[in-house]
Amino acid sequence: MNCDWVKDNVALYVYDELADDARHEVEQHAQRCPACADELKDMKRFHRRMSEMPVLEVTPNLLASARMELQEALEDAEQARGWHKFVFDPMSWLRAARFSPALAAVLLMVGFGAGVGTTYQLAKGGKVPAAAVERHQEAAIAGIRNITQDPGTNQVKIEYERTLPEHVQGPVEDPQIQQLLLMAARSNYNSGVRMDSIDLLKQKPDDGRVRESLIFSLRYDSNPGVRLKALEALTGEVKGDIRVRNAMLEALLNDNNAGVRTGALHALEQVRADTSVRQALQQLADEDPNQYIRQESRRVLASTPEID
């Protein structure tokens, strides 16, 4: 962790929008760095002064939506910074190529040259870089057909398509198995495969890529069964990850399936003292059209201790 990261996130720390592990890192860094400690003090002073001003009521729906949009904007800004955008975001090259025939020609020649070079290395018996092989394999995969797990073992069999159906087999911990599971979780044509993938991915909710994939499924998957699977897998992360909490709030307030909304309500019960959660529950208790959700919101609110 460096000073730039702390300064970018000090406001989130003061407003309690960082996960517990990130908060701990900020505190440890501030103890070692006088400049960041001063930055933290200034932000706390600003927060204290702002807290003395009259507070405008914000709807829970708007708050959850704003938090998610802010998180996505921060992630996009980080990914698009400097040359990193061009190295890791090939779509930016494609967008540029659309308006530049010269650049398109260069990209075509580079791709052709890389293919010839790879073929030459194979012909000589040389070792092709692992990263190049991984990119080639992922690009050649058209979709995930089926996922099965051998009963009583951790062996997973995944069938996927290239020109003809192929399959790979190995333990859940295998990097190639995990990569295919992540691809399957976002597949948009077979909801059964997506649910099977999430069933296996939920064994590793601490993995950052897995958690991002589960959040994506909860927010955007068209199948309510898949969304419910992702919600169940994320329930244990509600306390420690503010992004998971915000995704749950968004599902509670906006999902069109009562089962998913009910699951989100029960998952958020463990953080019912959170201001955003309390506001959302109050709104639902007062005006939600679903009688069960109204009753459950009132029950959770009744068990929530008052905050001075």
Protein backbone atom coordinates (compact mmCIF):
# COMPACT_ATOMS: atom_id res chain seq x y z
CA MET A 1 0.00 0.00 0.00
CA ASN A 2 1.34 3.46 -0.95
CA CYS A 3 0.46 7.06 -0.11
CA ASP A 4 -1.44 7.64 -3.36
CA TRP A 5 -3.80 4.74 -2.60
CA VAL A 6 -4.42 6.00 0.94
CA LYS A 7 -5.16 9.55 -0.26
CA ASP A 8 -7.56 8.20 -2.88
CA ASN A 9 -9.43 6.16 -0.27
CA VAL A 10 -9.21 8.29 2.87
CA ALA A 11 -12.72 9.69 2.31
CA LEU A 12 -14.13 6.18 1.95
CA TYR A 13 -12.39 5.25 5.20
CA VAL A 14 -13.87 8.17 7.14
CA TYR A 15 -17.36 7.53 5.77
CA ASP A 16 -17.08 3.80 6.62
CA GLU A 17 -17.25 2.66 3.00
CA LEU A 18 -14.13 0.45 3.04
CA ALA A 19 -14.05 -3.25 3.81
CA ASP A 20 -12.52 -4.22 7.15
CA ASP A 21 -9.22 -5.42 5.69
CA ALA A 22 -8.76 -2.19 3.72
CA ARG A 23 -9.59 -0.10 6.81
CA HIS A 24 -6.92 -1.98 8.75
CA GLU A 25 -4.36 -1.27 6.03
CA VAL A 26 -5.18 2.45 6.06
CA GLU A 27 -4.77 2.60 9.83
CA GLN A 28 -1.46 0.73 9.76
CA HIS A 29 -0.12 2.94 6.98
CA ALA A 30 -1.18 6.14 8.77
CA GLN A 31 0.79 5.07 11.86
CA ARG A 32 3.95 4.88 9.76
CA CYS A 33 3.40 7.88 7.47
CA PRO A 34 3.02 11.39 9.00
CA ALA A 35 1.76 12.90 5.71
CA CYS A 36 -1.05 10.36 5.39
CA ALA A 37 -1.84 10.70 9.10
CA ASP A 38 -2.34 14.45 8.55
CA GLU A 39 -4.51 13.72 5.52
CA LEU A 40 -6.63 11.39 7.63
CA LYS A 41 -6.97 13.98 10.41
CA ASP A 42 -8.04 16.66 7.91
CA MET A 43 -10.67 14.38 6.42
CA LYS A 44 -11.99 13.45 9.87
CA ARG A 45 -12.20 17.16 10.74
CA PHE A 46 -14.09 17.82 7.49
CA HIS A 47 -16.44 14.92 8.24
CA ARG A 48 -17.08 16.24 11.75
CA ARG A 49 -17.96 19.70 10.45
CA MET A 50 -20.21 18.27 7.75
CA SER A 51 -21.95 16.14 10.36
CA GLU A 52 -22.95 19.30 12.23
CA MET A 53 -24.91 20.56 9.23
CA PRO A 54 -28.57 19.62 8.59
CA VAL A 55 -28.88 16.21 6.93
CA LEU A 56 -30.99 15.83 3.80
CA GLU A 57 -32.97 12.61 3.50
CA VAL A 58 -31.71 10.30 0.74
CA THR A 59 -33.76 7.31 -0.37
CA PRO A 60 -32.09 3.92 0.18
CA ASN A 61 -32.60 3.11 -3.48
CA LEU A 62 -30.64 6.17 -4.57
CA LEU A 63 -27.92 5.55 -1.99
CA ALA A 64 -27.34 1.93 -3.02
CA SER A 65 -27.37 2.85 -6.69
CA ALA A 66 -24.92 5.71 -6.15
CA ARG A 67 -22.54 3.49 -4.20
CA MET A 68 -22.48 0.86 -6.94
CA GLU A 69 -21.95 3.48 -9.65
CA LEU A 70 -19.12 5.07 -7.65
CA GLN A 71 -17.41 1.71 -7.16
CA GLU A 72 -17.67 0.90 -10.86
CA ALA A 73 -16.40 4.35 -11.82
CA LEU A 74 -13.39 3.97 -9.52
CA GLU A 75 -12.58 0.54 -10.94
CA ASP A 76 -12.92 1.77 -14.53
CA ALA A 77 -10.73 4.80 -13.82
CA GLU A 78 -8.03 2.60 -12.30
CA GLN A 79 -8.08 0.21 -15.26
CA ALA A 80 -7.98 3.00 -17.84
CA ARG A 81 -5.07 4.91 -16.29
CA GLY A 82 -2.15 5.66 -18.63
CA TRP A 83 -0.69 2.95 -20.85
CA HIS A 84 -2.40 0.30 -18.71
CA LYS A 85 -5.55 0.98 -20.69
CA PHE A 86 -3.90 -0.04 -23.94
CA VAL A 87 -2.06 -3.01 -22.54
CA PHE A 88 -4.96 -4.61 -20.72
CA ASP A 89 -8.00 -3.27 -22.61
CA PRO A 90 -7.92 -4.63 -26.18
CA MET A 91 -11.35 -3.11 -26.86
CA SER A 92 -9.75 0.34 -26.83
CA TRP A 93 -7.50 -0.81 -29.69
CA LEU A 94 -10.48 -2.12 -31.59
CA ARG A 95 -12.37 1.14 -31.12
CA ALA A 96 -9.35 3.06 -32.38
CA ALA A 97 -8.92 0.67 -35.32
CA ARG A 98 -12.51 1.32 -36.36
CA PHE A 99 -11.59 4.91 -37.22
CA SER A 100 -8.00 4.30 -38.34
CA PRO A 101 -7.36 2.04 -41.36
CA ALA A 102 -3.61 2.37 -40.82
CA LEU A 103 -3.84 1.14 -37.24
CA ALA A 104 -6.10 -1.70 -38.34
CA ALA A 105 -3.49 -2.76 -40.88
CA VAL A 106 -0.76 -2.66 -38.24
CA LEU A 107 -2.84 -4.79 -35.86
CA LEU A 108 -3.51 -7.29 -38.65
CA MET A 109 0.20 -7.56 -39.45
CA VAL A 110 1.12 -7.93 -35.78
CA GLY A 111 -1.46 -10.67 -35.31
CA PHE A 112 -0.29 -12.48 -38.44
CA GLY A 113 3.33 -12.19 -37.36
CA ALA A 114 2.53 -13.53 -33.89
CA GLY A 115 0.75 -16.51 -35.41
CA VAL A 116 3.68 -17.27 -37.72
CA GLY A 117 6.10 -16.90 -34.81
CA THR A 118 4.13 -19.30 -32.65
CA THR A 119 3.94 -21.84 -35.47
CA TYR A 120 7.70 -21.53 -36.01
CA GLN A 121 8.40 -22.14 -32.32
CA LEU A 122 6.18 -25.23 -32.36
CA ALA A 123 7.88 -26.52 -35.48
CA LYS A 124 11.28 -26.14 -33.85
CA GLY A 125 10.07 -27.84 -30.69
CA GLY A 126 10.54 -24.63 -28.75
CA LYS A 127 8.47 -23.70 -25.73
CA VAL A 128 5.61 -21.28 -26.39
CA PRO A 129 5.07 -18.71 -23.61
CA ALA A 130 2.36 -19.84 -21.18
CA ALA A 131 0.55 -16.49 -21.41
CA ALA A 132 0.28 -16.82 -25.19
CA VAL A 133 -1.10 -20.34 -24.87
CA GLU A 134 -3.65 -19.19 -22.28
CA ARG A 135 -4.82 -16.31 -24.49
CA HIS A 136 -5.10 -18.63 -27.48
CA GLN A 137 -7.06 -21.23 -25.52
CA GLU A 138 -9.51 -18.70 -24.11
CA ALA A 139 -10.07 -17.06 -27.48
CA ALA A 140 -10.73 -20.44 -29.09
CA ILE A 141 -13.41 -21.47 -26.56
CA ALA A 142 -16.90 -20.83 -27.91
CA GLY A 143 -18.85 -21.75 -24.78
CA ILE A 144 -19.27 -24.08 -21.80
CA ARG A 145 -21.57 -27.04 -22.52
CA ASN A 146 -21.75 -28.95 -19.26
CA ILE A 147 -20.29 -29.11 -15.73
CA THR A 148 -20.32 -32.24 -13.56
CA GLN A 149 -18.58 -33.19 -10.31
CA ASP A 150 -17.66 -36.77 -9.45
CA PRO A 151 -19.64 -37.76 -6.31
CA GLY A 152 -17.51 -37.87 -3.19
CA THR A 153 -14.48 -36.24 -4.82
CA ASN A 154 -13.28 -32.76 -5.75
CA GLN A 155 -12.83 -33.75 -9.40
CA VAL A 156 -14.74 -31.53 -11.84
CA LYS A 157 -15.40 -32.31 -15.50
CA ILE A 158 -16.13 -29.37 -17.82
CA GLU A 159 -17.17 -29.79 -21.46
CA TYR A 160 -16.58 -26.78 -23.64
CA GLU A 161 -16.82 -26.02 -27.36
CA ARG A 162 -14.27 -25.00 -29.94
CA THR A 163 -14.83 -26.23 -33.46
CA LEU A 164 -15.88 -29.55 -31.93
CA PRO A 165 -16.86 -30.23 -28.29
CA GLU A 166 -13.87 -30.82 -26.00
CA HIS A 167 -13.49 -31.34 -22.29
CA VAL A 168 -10.98 -30.87 -19.52
CA GLN A 169 -10.96 -32.60 -16.14
CA GLY A 170 -9.28 -31.73 -12.85
CA PRO A 171 -9.76 -30.53 -9.27
CA VAL A 172 -11.60 -27.34 -8.43
CA GLU A 173 -8.27 -25.75 -7.45
CA ASP A 174 -6.84 -26.19 -10.96
CA PRO A 175 -6.35 -22.72 -12.59
CA GLN A 176 -7.76 -23.89 -15.92
CA ILE A 177 -10.85 -25.34 -14.21
CA GLN A 178 -11.36 -22.08 -12.32
CA GLN A 179 -10.97 -20.02 -15.50
CA LEU A 180 -13.60 -22.12 -17.29
CA LEU A 181 -15.96 -21.90 -14.32
CA LEU A 182 -15.67 -18.11 -14.37
CA MET A 183 -16.44 -18.11 -18.09
CA ALA A 184 -19.43 -20.39 -17.53
CA ALA A 185 -20.82 -18.15 -14.78
CA ARG A 186 -21.25 -15.34 -17.33
CA SER A 187 -22.50 -17.54 -20.18
CA ASN A 188 -25.74 -16.04 -21.48
CA TYR A 189 -27.33 -19.02 -23.23
CA ASN A 190 -27.55 -21.87 -20.66
CA SER A 191 -28.82 -21.03 -17.18
CA GLY A 192 -28.25 -24.59 -15.96
CA VAL A 193 -24.53 -24.33 -16.72
CA ARG A 194 -24.39 -20.97 -14.98
CA MET A 195 -25.98 -22.45 -11.83
CA ASP A 196 -23.62 -25.45 -11.87
CA SER A 197 -20.67 -23.10 -12.18
CA ILE A 198 -21.79 -20.93 -9.27
CA ASP A 199 -22.30 -24.06 -7.15
CA LEU A 200 -18.59 -24.79 -7.55
CA LEU A 201 -17.33 -21.21 -7.43
CA LYS A 202 -19.04 -20.59 -4.10
CA GLN A 203 -16.45 -22.87 -2.52
CA LYS A 204 -13.94 -20.02 -2.97
CA PRO A 205 -15.76 -16.76 -2.10
CA ASP A 206 -12.48 -15.26 -0.81
CA ASP A 207 -11.02 -15.26 -4.33
CA GLY A 208 -11.41 -11.73 -5.74
CA ARG A 209 -12.25 -12.91 -9.28
CA VAL A 210 -14.87 -15.31 -7.93
CA ARG A 211 -16.47 -12.64 -5.77
CA GLU A 212 -16.64 -10.18 -8.68
CA SER A 213 -18.25 -12.87 -10.84
CA LEU A 214 -20.84 -13.67 -8.15
CA ILE A 215 -21.68 -9.97 -7.72
CA PHE A 216 -22.08 -9.67 -11.50
CA SER A 217 -24.46 -12.66 -11.54
CA LEU A 218 -26.52 -11.27 -8.65
CA ARG A 219 -26.90 -7.91 -10.36
CA TYR A 220 -27.28 -8.79 -14.02
CA ASP A 221 -28.18 -12.44 -14.66
CA SER A 222 -31.57 -12.80 -16.36
CA ASN A 223 -32.44 -16.03 -14.54
CA PRO A 224 -33.77 -15.61 -10.97
CA GLY A 225 -32.47 -19.05 -10.01
CA VAL A 226 -28.94 -18.04 -10.97
CA ARG A 227 -29.29 -14.76 -9.07
CA LEU A 228 -30.48 -16.66 -6.01
CA LYS A 229 -27.50 -19.05 -6.23
CA ALA A 230 -25.12 -16.10 -6.40
CA LEU A 231 -26.88 -14.43 -3.46
CA GLU A 232 -26.51 -17.55 -1.32
CA ALA A 233 -22.82 -17.77 -2.19
CA LEU A 234 -22.27 -14.11 -1.20
CA THR A 235 -24.25 -14.15 2.05
CA GLY A 236 -21.20 -14.87 4.19
CA GLU A 237 -19.34 -11.88 2.71
CA VAL A 238 -21.95 -9.21 3.55
CA LYS A 239 -20.22 -8.10 6.73
CA GLY A 240 -16.71 -7.81 5.34
CA ASP A 241 -17.20 -6.46 1.80
CA ILE A 242 -19.08 -3.22 1.20
CA ARG A 243 -19.49 -4.11 -2.50
CA VAL A 244 -21.36 -7.28 -1.57
CA ARG A 245 -23.51 -5.32 0.88
CA ASN A 246 -24.40 -2.76 -1.79
CA ALA A 247 -25.22 -5.48 -4.32
CA MET A 248 -27.53 -7.07 -1.75
CA LEU A 249 -29.21 -3.72 -1.12
CA GLU A 250 -29.70 -3.23 -4.84
CA ALA A 251 -31.25 -6.70 -5.14
CA LEU A 252 -33.51 -6.08 -2.13
CA LEU A 253 -34.82 -2.82 -3.55
CA ASN A 254 -34.89 -3.50 -7.30
CA ASP A 255 -34.99 -7.21 -8.14
CA ASN A 256 -38.21 -8.30 -9.84
CA ASN A 257 -38.25 -11.69 -8.11
CA ALA A 258 -39.73 -11.93 -4.60
CA GLY A 259 -37.53 -14.92 -3.70
CA VAL A 260 -34.34 -13.05 -4.52
CA ARG A 261 -35.55 -9.99 -2.59
CA THR A 262 -36.43 -12.12 0.42
CA GLY A 263 -33.03 -13.80 0.31
CA ALA A 264 -31.31 -10.41 0.18
CA LEU A 265 -33.37 -9.19 3.14
CA HIS A 266 -32.35 -12.17 5.26
CA ALA A 267 -28.70 -11.81 4.20
CA LEU A 268 -28.70 -8.14 5.21
CA GLU A 269 -30.19 -8.96 8.60
CA GLN A 270 -26.67 -9.60 9.91
CA VAL A 271 -25.77 -5.94 9.17
CA ARG A 272 -29.15 -4.44 10.09
CA ALA A 273 -27.47 -1.71 12.17
CA ASP A 274 -25.96 -0.24 8.99
CA THR A 275 -27.63 3.10 8.22
CA SER A 276 -28.33 2.25 4.57
CA VAL A 277 -29.84 -1.10 5.51
CA ARG A 278 -32.04 0.48 8.18
CA GLN A 279 -33.30 3.10 5.73
CA ALA A 280 -34.06 0.44 3.13
CA LEU A 281 -35.93 -1.70 5.65
CA GLN A 282 -37.92 1.30 6.83
CA GLN A 283 -38.94 2.10 3.26
CA LEU A 284 -39.99 -1.49 2.62
CA ALA A 285 -41.84 -1.75 5.93
CA ASP A 286 -43.88 1.34 5.04
CA GLU A 287 -44.71 0.87 1.39
CA ASP A 288 -43.56 -2.37 -0.23
CA PRO A 289 -46.37 -4.04 -2.21
CA ASN A 290 -45.26 -7.52 -1.06
CA GLN A 291 -46.91 -8.28 2.28
CA TYR A 292 -44.29 -10.83 3.38
CA ILE A 293 -41.43 -8.42 2.71
CA ARG A 294 -43.25 -5.68 4.61
CA GLN A 295 -43.70 -8.00 7.59
CA GLU A 296 -40.11 -9.27 7.52
CA SER A 297 -38.77 -5.70 7.27
CA ARG A 298 -40.80 -4.71 10.33
CA ARG A 299 -39.57 -7.78 12.21
CA VAL A 300 -35.91 -7.02 11.48
CA LEU A 301 -36.37 -3.34 12.37
CA ALA A 302 -37.99 -4.30 15.67
CA SER A 303 -34.94 -6.38 16.59
CA THR A 304 -32.46 -3.66 15.61
CA PRO A 305 -30.97 -1.71 18.54
CA GLU A 306 -31.45 2.03 18.46
CA ILE A 307 -28.39 4.11 17.56
CA ASP A 308 -27.80 7.35 19.45
